[in-house]
Amino acid sequence: MITAIVLISADNSRIPETAKALADTPGVAEVYSCAGDVDLIAIVRVRDHEQIAEVVTSGIDKVEGVLRTTTHIAFRSYSSSDVEAGFSLGE
């Protein structure tokens, strides 16, 4: 499974509708509204890199209210339980 994090600048007057439409987009696992440099963050989970291109360019970029996107592809996932388990191996 490949995970991509898509940072989205959206039309401020349409953020709730845009977020809902993004969440309904195939390949989008989660959508977060947030403060900061971007308005929304979408987590995309797909089987291969070609699907990322399709979800972002044919799906996310076509949603009404999306102004700009920046996509980051995750290499590896870490969770607090993974980190704690790694440190407890030597004990």
PDB file of N, CA and C in Angstrom:
ATOM      1  N   MET A   1       0.846  -1.170   0.000  1.00  0.00           N
ATOM      2  CA  MET A   1       0.000   0.000   0.000  1.00  0.00           C
ATOM      3  C   MET A   1       0.895   1.238   0.000  1.00  0.00           C
ATOM      4  N   ILE A   2       0.594   2.167  -0.873  1.00  0.00           N
ATOM      5  CA  ILE A   2       1.330   3.424  -0.967  1.00  0.00           C
ATOM      6  C   ILE A   2       0.475   4.530  -0.370  1.00  0.00           C
ATOM      7  N   THR A   3       1.098   5.356   0.459  1.00  0.00           N
ATOM      8  CA  THR A   3       0.401   6.474   1.085  1.00  0.00           C
ATOM      9  C   THR A   3       0.969   7.771   0.549  1.00  0.00           C
ATOM     10  N   ALA A   4       0.071   8.682   0.201  1.00  0.00           N
ATOM     11  CA  ALA A   4       0.467  10.029  -0.202  1.00  0.00           C
ATOM     12  C   ALA A   4      -0.278  11.022   0.666  1.00  0.00           C
ATOM     13  N   ILE A   5       0.402  12.100   1.006  1.00  0.00           N
ATOM     14  CA  ILE A   5      -0.193  13.183   1.773  1.00  0.00           C
ATOM     15  C   ILE A   5      -0.346  14.341   0.805  1.00  0.00           C
ATOM     16  N   VAL A   6      -1.595  14.799   0.618  1.00  0.00           N
ATOM     17  CA  VAL A   6      -1.866  15.866  -0.338  1.00  0.00           C
ATOM     18  C   VAL A   6      -2.284  17.114   0.430  1.00  0.00           C
ATOM     19  N   LEU A   7      -1.463  18.158   0.313  1.00  0.00           N
ATOM     20  CA  LEU A   7      -1.745  19.443   0.938  1.00  0.00           C
ATOM     21  C   LEU A   7      -2.585  20.254  -0.038  1.00  0.00           C
ATOM     22  N   ILE A   8      -3.706  20.791   0.441  1.00  0.00           N
ATOM     23  CA  ILE A   8      -4.685  21.400  -0.453  1.00  0.00           C
ATOM     24  C   ILE A   8      -5.008  22.824  -0.014  1.00  0.00           C
ATOM     25  N   SER A   9      -4.863  23.771  -0.929  1.00  0.00           N
ATOM     26  CA  SER A   9      -5.377  25.124  -0.731  1.00  0.00           C
ATOM     27  C   SER A   9      -6.755  25.146  -1.360  1.00  0.00           C
ATOM     28  N   ALA A  10      -7.728  25.644  -0.587  1.00  0.00           N
ATOM     29  CA  ALA A  10      -9.120  25.594  -1.041  1.00  0.00           C
ATOM     30  C   ALA A  10      -9.753  26.980  -0.953  1.00  0.00           C
ATOM     31  N   ASP A  11     -10.847  27.135  -1.682  1.00  0.00           N
ATOM     32  CA  ASP A  11     -11.673  28.330  -1.602  1.00  0.00           C
ATOM     33  C   ASP A  11     -12.257  28.378  -0.188  1.00  0.00           C
ATOM     34  N   ASN A  12     -11.915  29.417   0.569  1.00  0.00           N
ATOM     35  CA  ASN A  12     -12.324  29.498   1.976  1.00  0.00           C
ATOM     36  C   ASN A  12     -13.834  29.418   2.174  1.00  0.00           C
ATOM     37  N   SER A  13     -14.598  29.878   1.221  1.00  0.00           N
ATOM     38  CA  SER A  13     -16.050  29.863   1.375  1.00  0.00           C
ATOM     39  C   SER A  13     -16.652  28.481   1.117  1.00  0.00           C
ATOM     40  N   ARG A  14     -15.822  27.523   0.646  1.00  0.00           N
ATOM     41  CA  ARG A  14     -16.325  26.187   0.300  1.00  0.00           C
ATOM     42  C   ARG A  14     -15.596  25.060   1.034  1.00  0.00           C
ATOM     43  N   ILE A  15     -14.880  25.356   2.087  1.00  0.00           N
ATOM     44  CA  ILE A  15     -14.062  24.321   2.729  1.00  0.00           C
ATOM     45  C   ILE A  15     -14.880  23.110   3.183  1.00  0.00           C
ATOM     46  N   PRO A  16     -15.998  23.268   3.882  1.00  0.00           N
ATOM     47  CA  PRO A  16     -16.740  22.063   4.308  1.00  0.00           C
ATOM     48  C   PRO A  16     -17.230  21.211   3.132  1.00  0.00           C
ATOM     49  N   GLU A  17     -17.764  21.858   2.093  1.00  0.00           N
ATOM     50  CA  GLU A  17     -18.248  21.116   0.922  1.00  0.00           C
ATOM     51  C   GLU A  17     -17.098  20.457   0.170  1.00  0.00           C
ATOM     52  N   THR A  18     -15.987  21.173   0.079  1.00  0.00           N
ATOM     53  CA  THR A  18     -14.813  20.629  -0.602  1.00  0.00           C
ATOM     54  C   THR A  18     -14.267  19.431   0.156  1.00  0.00           C
ATOM     55  N   ALA A  19     -14.178  19.539   1.468  1.00  0.00           N
ATOM     56  CA  ALA A  19     -13.679  18.429   2.290  1.00  0.00           C
ATOM     57  C   ALA A  19     -14.563  17.197   2.142  1.00  0.00           C
ATOM     58  N   LYS A  20     -15.870  17.385   2.139  1.00  0.00           N
ATOM     59  CA  LYS A  20     -16.804  16.258   1.981  1.00  0.00           C
ATOM     60  C   LYS A  20     -16.621  15.594   0.619  1.00  0.00           C
ATOM     61  N   ALA A  21     -16.528  16.414  -0.432  1.00  0.00           N
ATOM     62  CA  ALA A  21     -16.337  15.862  -1.780  1.00  0.00           C
ATOM     63  C   ALA A  21     -15.005  15.127  -1.878  1.00  0.00           C
ATOM     64  N   LEU A  22     -13.970  15.653  -1.250  1.00  0.00           N
ATOM     65  CA  LEU A  22     -12.670  14.979  -1.257  1.00  0.00           C
ATOM     66  C   LEU A  22     -12.750  13.641  -0.531  1.00  0.00           C
ATOM     67  N   ALA A  23     -13.443  13.609   0.608  1.00  0.00           N
ATOM     68  CA  ALA A  23     -13.571  12.372   1.377  1.00  0.00           C
ATOM     69  C   ALA A  23     -14.319  11.295   0.595  1.00  0.00           C
ATOM     70  N   ASP A  24     -15.174  11.715  -0.321  1.00  0.00           N
ATOM     71  CA  ASP A  24     -15.930  10.773  -1.153  1.00  0.00           C
ATOM     72  C   ASP A  24     -15.171  10.351  -2.412  1.00  0.00           C
ATOM     73  N   THR A  25     -13.980  10.876  -2.615  1.00  0.00           N
ATOM     74  CA  THR A  25     -13.175  10.560  -3.792  1.00  0.00           C
ATOM     75  C   THR A  25     -12.511   9.195  -3.620  1.00  0.00           C
ATOM     76  N   PRO A  26     -12.674   8.276  -4.570  1.00  0.00           N
ATOM     77  CA  PRO A  26     -12.016   6.970  -4.461  1.00  0.00           C
ATOM     78  C   PRO A  26     -10.493   7.127  -4.311  1.00  0.00           C
ATOM     79  N   GLY A  27      -9.937   6.410  -3.348  1.00  0.00           N
ATOM     80  CA  GLY A  27      -8.501   6.479  -3.075  1.00  0.00           C
ATOM     81  C   GLY A  27      -8.160   7.411  -1.931  1.00  0.00           C
ATOM     82  N   VAL A  28      -9.079   8.308  -1.576  1.00  0.00           N
ATOM     83  CA  VAL A  28      -8.850   9.214  -0.451  1.00  0.00           C
ATOM     84  C   VAL A  28      -9.355   8.527   0.814  1.00  0.00           C
ATOM     85  N   ALA A  29      -8.438   8.295   1.753  1.00  0.00           N
ATOM     86  CA  ALA A  29      -8.784   7.591   2.986  1.00  0.00           C
ATOM     87  C   ALA A  29      -9.294   8.536   4.064  1.00  0.00           C
ATOM     88  N   GLU A  30      -8.695   9.731   4.151  1.00  0.00           N
ATOM     89  CA  GLU A  30      -9.051  10.686   5.196  1.00  0.00           C
ATOM     90  C   GLU A  30      -8.833  12.093   4.679  1.00  0.00           C
ATOM     91  N   VAL A  31      -9.599  13.036   5.228  1.00  0.00           N
ATOM     92  CA  VAL A  31      -9.416  14.453   4.922  1.00  0.00           C
ATOM     93  C   VAL A  31      -9.465  15.211   6.241  1.00  0.00           C
ATOM     94  N   TYR A  32      -8.508  16.109   6.433  1.00  0.00           N
ATOM     95  CA  TYR A  32      -8.444  16.928   7.641  1.00  0.00           C
ATOM     96  C   TYR A  32      -8.504  18.398   7.264  1.00  0.00           C
ATOM     97  N   SER A  33      -9.307  19.175   7.981  1.00  0.00           N
ATOM     98  CA  SER A  33      -9.205  20.625   7.855  1.00  0.00           C
ATOM     99  C   SER A  33      -8.172  21.052   8.884  1.00  0.00           C
ATOM    100  N   CYS A  34      -7.418  22.083   8.583  1.00  0.00           N
ATOM    101  CA  CYS A  34      -6.336  22.451   9.481  1.00  0.00           C
ATOM    102  C   CYS A  34      -6.019  23.939   9.389  1.00  0.00           C
ATOM    103  N   ALA A  35      -5.273  24.402  10.364  1.00  0.00           N
ATOM    104  CA  ALA A  35      -4.767  25.773  10.365  1.00  0.00           C
ATOM    105  C   ALA A  35      -3.355  25.745   9.792  1.00  0.00           C
ATOM    106  N   GLY A  36      -2.927  26.863   9.264  1.00  0.00           N
ATOM    107  CA  GLY A  36      -1.566  26.941   8.750  1.00  0.00           C
ATOM    108  C   GLY A  36      -1.541  27.326   7.294  1.00  0.00           C
ATOM    109  N   ASP A  37      -0.528  26.848   6.592  1.00  0.00           N
ATOM    110  CA  ASP A  37      -0.307  27.228   5.193  1.00  0.00           C
ATOM    111  C   ASP A  37      -1.288  26.595   4.221  1.00  0.00           C
ATOM    112  N   VAL A  38      -1.944  25.521   4.632  1.00  0.00           N
ATOM    113  CA  VAL A  38      -2.912  24.854   3.759  1.00  0.00           C
ATOM    114  C   VAL A  38      -4.248  24.752   4.482  1.00  0.00           C
ATOM    115  N   ASP A  39      -5.304  24.533   3.712  1.00  0.00           N
ATOM    116  CA  ASP A  39      -6.646  24.469   4.285  1.00  0.00           C
ATOM    117  C   ASP A  39      -7.080  23.052   4.616  1.00  0.00           C
ATOM    118  N   LEU A  40      -6.699  22.104   3.753  1.00  0.00           N
ATOM    119  CA  LEU A  40      -7.090  20.709   3.911  1.00  0.00           C
ATOM    120  C   LEU A  40      -5.894  19.803   3.660  1.00  0.00           C
ATOM    121  N   ILE A  41      -5.898  18.653   4.304  1.00  0.00           N
ATOM    122  CA  ILE A  41      -4.898  17.619   4.045  1.00  0.00           C
ATOM    123  C   ILE A  41      -5.649  16.335   3.756  1.00  0.00           C
ATOM    124  N   ALA A  42      -5.352  15.727   2.615  1.00  0.00           N
ATOM    125  CA  ALA A  42      -5.967  14.457   2.238  1.00  0.00           C
ATOM    126  C   ALA A  42      -4.916  13.352   2.327  1.00  0.00           C
ATOM    127  N   ILE A  43      -5.302  12.248   2.915  1.00  0.00           N
ATOM    128  CA  ILE A  43      -4.449  11.064   2.960  1.00  0.00           C
ATOM    129  C   ILE A  43      -4.958  10.114   1.882  1.00  0.00           C
ATOM    130  N   VAL A  44      -4.075   9.815   0.944  1.00  0.00           N
ATOM    131  CA  VAL A  44      -4.416   8.937  -0.182  1.00  0.00           C
ATOM    132  C   VAL A  44      -3.721   7.603   0.043  1.00  0.00           C
ATOM    133  N   ARG A  45      -4.469   6.512  -0.065  1.00  0.00           N
ATOM    134  CA  ARG A  45      -3.880   5.175   0.057  1.00  0.00           C
ATOM    135  C   ARG A  45      -4.297   4.355  -1.157  1.00  0.00           C
ATOM    136  N   VAL A  46      -3.287   3.940  -1.935  1.00  0.00           N
ATOM    137  CA  VAL A  46      -3.533   3.179  -3.160  1.00  0.00           C
ATOM    138  C   VAL A  46      -2.492   2.071  -3.294  1.00  0.00           C
ATOM    139  N   ARG A  47      -2.687   1.222  -4.300  1.00  0.00           N
ATOM    140  CA  ARG A  47      -1.787   0.074  -4.486  1.00  0.00           C
ATOM    141  C   ARG A  47      -0.514   0.401  -5.269  1.00  0.00           C
ATOM    142  N   ASP A  48      -0.572   1.372  -6.186  1.00  0.00           N
ATOM    143  CA  ASP A  48       0.630   1.670  -6.968  1.00  0.00           C
ATOM    144  C   ASP A  48       0.727   3.157  -7.290  1.00  0.00           C
ATOM    145  N   HIS A  49       1.906   3.559  -7.751  1.00  0.00           N
ATOM    146  CA  HIS A  49       2.178   4.976  -8.016  1.00  0.00           C
ATOM    147  C   HIS A  49       1.274   5.561  -9.098  1.00  0.00           C
ATOM    148  N   GLU A  50       0.930   4.777 -10.096  1.00  0.00           N
ATOM    149  CA  GLU A  50       0.056   5.273 -11.155  1.00  0.00           C
ATOM    150  C   GLU A  50      -1.294   5.705 -10.594  1.00  0.00           C
ATOM    151  N   GLN A  51      -1.767   4.986  -9.587  1.00  0.00           N
ATOM    152  CA  GLN A  51      -3.049   5.333  -8.971  1.00  0.00           C
ATOM    153  C   GLN A  51      -2.968   6.664  -8.229  1.00  0.00           C
ATOM    154  N   ILE A  52      -1.817   6.973  -7.649  1.00  0.00           N
ATOM    155  CA  ILE A  52      -1.660   8.274  -6.986  1.00  0.00           C
ATOM    156  C   ILE A  52      -1.870   9.383  -8.001  1.00  0.00           C
ATOM    157  N   ALA A  53      -1.234   9.263  -9.153  1.00  0.00           N
ATOM    158  CA  ALA A  53      -1.378  10.276 -10.195  1.00  0.00           C
ATOM    159  C   ALA A  53      -2.831  10.422 -10.602  1.00  0.00           C
ATOM    160  N   GLU A  54      -3.538   9.310 -10.727  1.00  0.00           N
ATOM    161  CA  GLU A  54      -4.943   9.368 -11.127  1.00  0.00           C
ATOM    162  C   GLU A  54      -5.815   9.992 -10.050  1.00  0.00           C
ATOM    163  N   VAL A  55      -5.621   9.582  -8.795  1.00  0.00           N
ATOM    164  CA  VAL A  55      -6.438  10.127  -7.703  1.00  0.00           C
ATOM    165  C   VAL A  55      -6.219  11.638  -7.584  1.00  0.00           C
ATOM    166  N   VAL A  56      -4.964  12.069  -7.684  1.00  0.00           N
ATOM    167  CA  VAL A  56      -4.683  13.501  -7.510  1.00  0.00           C
ATOM    168  C   VAL A  56      -5.118  14.308  -8.727  1.00  0.00           C
ATOM    169  N   THR A  57      -4.716  13.909  -9.920  1.00  0.00           N
ATOM    170  CA  THR A  57      -5.000  14.744 -11.092  1.00  0.00           C
ATOM    171  C   THR A  57      -6.406  14.585 -11.645  1.00  0.00           C
ATOM    172  N   SER A  58      -6.981  13.389 -11.538  1.00  0.00           N
ATOM    173  CA  SER A  58      -8.325  13.176 -12.073  1.00  0.00           C
ATOM    174  C   SER A  58      -9.399  13.240 -11.002  1.00  0.00           C
ATOM    175  N   GLY A  59      -8.995  13.193  -9.749  1.00  0.00           N
ATOM    176  CA  GLY A  59      -9.950  13.212  -8.653  1.00  0.00           C
ATOM    177  C   GLY A  59      -9.857  14.493  -7.845  1.00  0.00           C
ATOM    178  N   ILE A  60      -8.821  14.603  -7.033  1.00  0.00           N
ATOM    179  CA  ILE A  60      -8.690  15.736  -6.109  1.00  0.00           C
ATOM    180  C   ILE A  60      -8.657  17.075  -6.839  1.00  0.00           C
ATOM    181  N   ASP A  61      -7.835  17.181  -7.870  1.00  0.00           N
ATOM    182  CA  ASP A  61      -7.711  18.457  -8.597  1.00  0.00           C
ATOM    183  C   ASP A  61      -9.000  18.887  -9.288  1.00  0.00           C
ATOM    184  N   LYS A  62      -9.931  17.959  -9.511  1.00  0.00           N
ATOM    185  CA  LYS A  62     -11.187  18.277 -10.198  1.00  0.00           C
ATOM    186  C   LYS A  62     -12.313  18.659  -9.234  1.00  0.00           C
ATOM    187  N   VAL A  63     -12.087  18.511  -7.929  1.00  0.00           N
ATOM    188  CA  VAL A  63     -13.125  18.826  -6.944  1.00  0.00           C
ATOM    189  C   VAL A  63     -13.315  20.339  -6.881  1.00  0.00           C
ATOM    190  N   GLU A  64     -14.570  20.762  -6.931  1.00  0.00           N
ATOM    191  CA  GLU A  64     -14.872  22.186  -6.871  1.00  0.00           C
ATOM    192  C   GLU A  64     -14.408  22.747  -5.528  1.00  0.00           C
ATOM    193  N   GLY A  65     -13.685  23.846  -5.577  1.00  0.00           N
ATOM    194  CA  GLY A  65     -13.158  24.478  -4.378  1.00  0.00           C
ATOM    195  C   GLY A  65     -11.678  24.245  -4.176  1.00  0.00           C
ATOM    196  N   VAL A  66     -11.096  23.238  -4.859  1.00  0.00           N
ATOM    197  CA  VAL A  66      -9.658  22.986  -4.760  1.00  0.00           C
ATOM    198  C   VAL A  66      -8.941  24.000  -5.660  1.00  0.00           C
ATOM    199  N   LEU A  67      -8.032  24.765  -5.053  1.00  0.00           N
ATOM    200  CA  LEU A  67      -7.287  25.776  -5.808  1.00  0.00           C
ATOM    201  C   LEU A  67      -5.893  25.289  -6.195  1.00  0.00           C
ATOM    202  N   ARG A  68      -5.212  24.595  -5.263  1.00  0.00           N
ATOM    203  CA  ARG A  68      -3.839  24.140  -5.479  1.00  0.00           C
ATOM    204  C   ARG A  68      -3.583  22.894  -4.644  1.00  0.00           C
ATOM    205  N   THR A  69      -2.711  22.026  -5.135  1.00  0.00           N
ATOM    206  CA  THR A  69      -2.310  20.852  -4.354  1.00  0.00           C
ATOM    207  C   THR A  69      -0.793  20.682  -4.404  1.00  0.00           C
ATOM    208  N   THR A  70      -0.276  20.094  -3.344  1.00  0.00           N
ATOM    209  CA  THR A  70       1.111  19.655  -3.288  1.00  0.00           C
ATOM    210  C   THR A  70       1.078  18.249  -2.723  1.00  0.00           C
ATOM    211  N   THR A  71       1.705  17.303  -3.424  1.00  0.00           N
ATOM    212  CA  THR A  71       1.632  15.898  -3.031  1.00  0.00           C
ATOM    213  C   THR A  71       2.981  15.413  -2.520  1.00  0.00           C
ATOM    214  N   HIS A  72       2.944  14.740  -1.383  1.00  0.00           N
ATOM    215  CA  HIS A  72       4.128  14.125  -0.782  1.00  0.00           C
ATOM    216  C   HIS A  72       3.870  12.626  -0.679  1.00  0.00           C
ATOM    217  N   ILE A  73       4.795  11.813  -1.175  1.00  0.00           N
ATOM    218  CA  ILE A  73       4.651  10.359  -1.101  1.00  0.00           C
ATOM    219  C   ILE A  73       5.434   9.856   0.104  1.00  0.00           C
ATOM    220  N   ALA A  74       4.782   9.067   0.950  1.00  0.00           N
ATOM    221  CA  ALA A  74       5.418   8.538   2.155  1.00  0.00           C
ATOM    222  C   ALA A  74       6.285   7.327   1.794  1.00  0.00           C
ATOM    223  N   PHE A  75       7.484   7.274   2.372  1.00  0.00           N
ATOM    224  CA  PHE A  75       8.371   6.127   2.179  1.00  0.00           C
ATOM    225  C   PHE A  75       8.134   5.057   3.234  1.00  0.00           C
ATOM    226  N   ARG A  76       7.987   5.485   4.483  1.00  0.00           N
ATOM    227  CA  ARG A  76       7.875   4.557   5.598  1.00  0.00           C
ATOM    228  C   ARG A  76       6.949   5.158   6.643  1.00  0.00           C
ATOM    229  N   SER A  77       6.253   4.302   7.366  1.00  0.00           N
ATOM    230  CA  SER A  77       5.338   4.749   8.413  1.00  0.00           C
ATOM    231  C   SER A  77       5.926   4.424   9.777  1.00  0.00           C
ATOM    232  N   TYR A  78       5.815   5.369  10.696  1.00  0.00           N
ATOM    233  CA  TYR A  78       6.246   5.163  12.081  1.00  0.00           C
ATOM    234  C   TYR A  78       5.074   5.519  12.989  1.00  0.00           C
ATOM    235  N   SER A  79       4.874   4.741  14.019  1.00  0.00           N
ATOM    236  CA  SER A  79       3.870   5.079  15.021  1.00  0.00           C
ATOM    237  C   SER A  79       4.544   5.053  16.384  1.00  0.00           C
ATOM    238  N   SER A  80       3.898   5.622  17.385  1.00  0.00           N
ATOM    239  CA  SER A  80       4.508   5.650  18.716  1.00  0.00           C
ATOM    240  C   SER A  80       4.766   4.235  19.229  1.00  0.00           C
ATOM    241  N   SER A  81       3.889   3.290  18.922  1.00  0.00           N
ATOM    242  CA  SER A  81       4.114   1.915  19.375  1.00  0.00           C
ATOM    243  C   SER A  81       5.321   1.290  18.684  1.00  0.00           C
ATOM    244  N   ASP A  82       5.550   1.638  17.402  1.00  0.00           N
ATOM    245  CA  ASP A  82       6.729   1.128  16.689  1.00  0.00           C
ATOM    246  C   ASP A  82       8.007   1.657  17.322  1.00  0.00           C
ATOM    247  N   VAL A  83       8.026   2.940  17.648  1.00  0.00           N
ATOM    248  CA  VAL A  83       9.214   3.559  18.234  1.00  0.00           C
ATOM    249  C   VAL A  83       9.480   2.980  19.613  1.00  0.00           C
ATOM    250  N   GLU A  84       8.434   2.844  20.442  1.00  0.00           N
ATOM    251  CA  GLU A  84       8.604   2.269  21.775  1.00  0.00           C
ATOM    252  C   GLU A  84       9.094   0.829  21.687  1.00  0.00           C
ATOM    253  N   ALA A  85       8.584   0.054  20.771  1.00  0.00           N
ATOM    254  CA  ALA A  85       9.005  -1.343  20.614  1.00  0.00           C
ATOM    255  C   ALA A  85      10.468  -1.412  20.202  1.00  0.00           C
ATOM    256  N   GLY A  86      10.900  -0.507  19.355  1.00  0.00           N
ATOM    257  CA  GLY A  86      12.296  -0.479  18.926  1.00  0.00           C
ATOM    258  C   GLY A  86      13.250  -0.202  20.076  1.00  0.00           C
ATOM    259  N   PHE A  87      12.864   0.675  20.989  1.00  0.00           N
ATOM    260  CA  PHE A  87      13.722   1.010  22.122  1.00  0.00           C
ATOM    261  C   PHE A  87      13.695  -0.094  23.181  1.00  0.00           C
ATOM    262  N   SER A  88      12.637  -0.867  23.259  1.00  0.00           N
ATOM    263  CA  SER A  88      12.548  -1.897  24.303  1.00  0.00           C
ATOM    264  C   SER A  88      13.228  -3.210  23.887  1.00  0.00           C
ATOM    265  N   LEU A  89      13.713  -3.320  22.656  1.00  0.00           N
ATOM    266  CA  LEU A  89      14.350  -4.555  22.199  1.00  0.00           C
ATOM    267  C   LEU A  89      15.608  -4.873  22.984  1.00  0.00           C
ATOM    268  N   GLY A  90      16.359  -3.849  23.379  1.00  0.00           N
ATOM    269  CA  GLY A  90      17.636  -4.073  24.073  1.00  0.00           C
ATOM    270  C   GLY A  90      17.481  -4.286  25.556  1.00  0.00           C
ATOM    271  N   GLU A  91      16.283  -4.206  26.091  1.00  0.00           N
ATOM    272  CA  GLU A  91      16.093  -4.342  27.544  1.00  0.00           C
ATOM    273  C   GLU A  91      15.949  -5.768  27.961  1.00  0.00           C
TER     274      GLU A  91
END
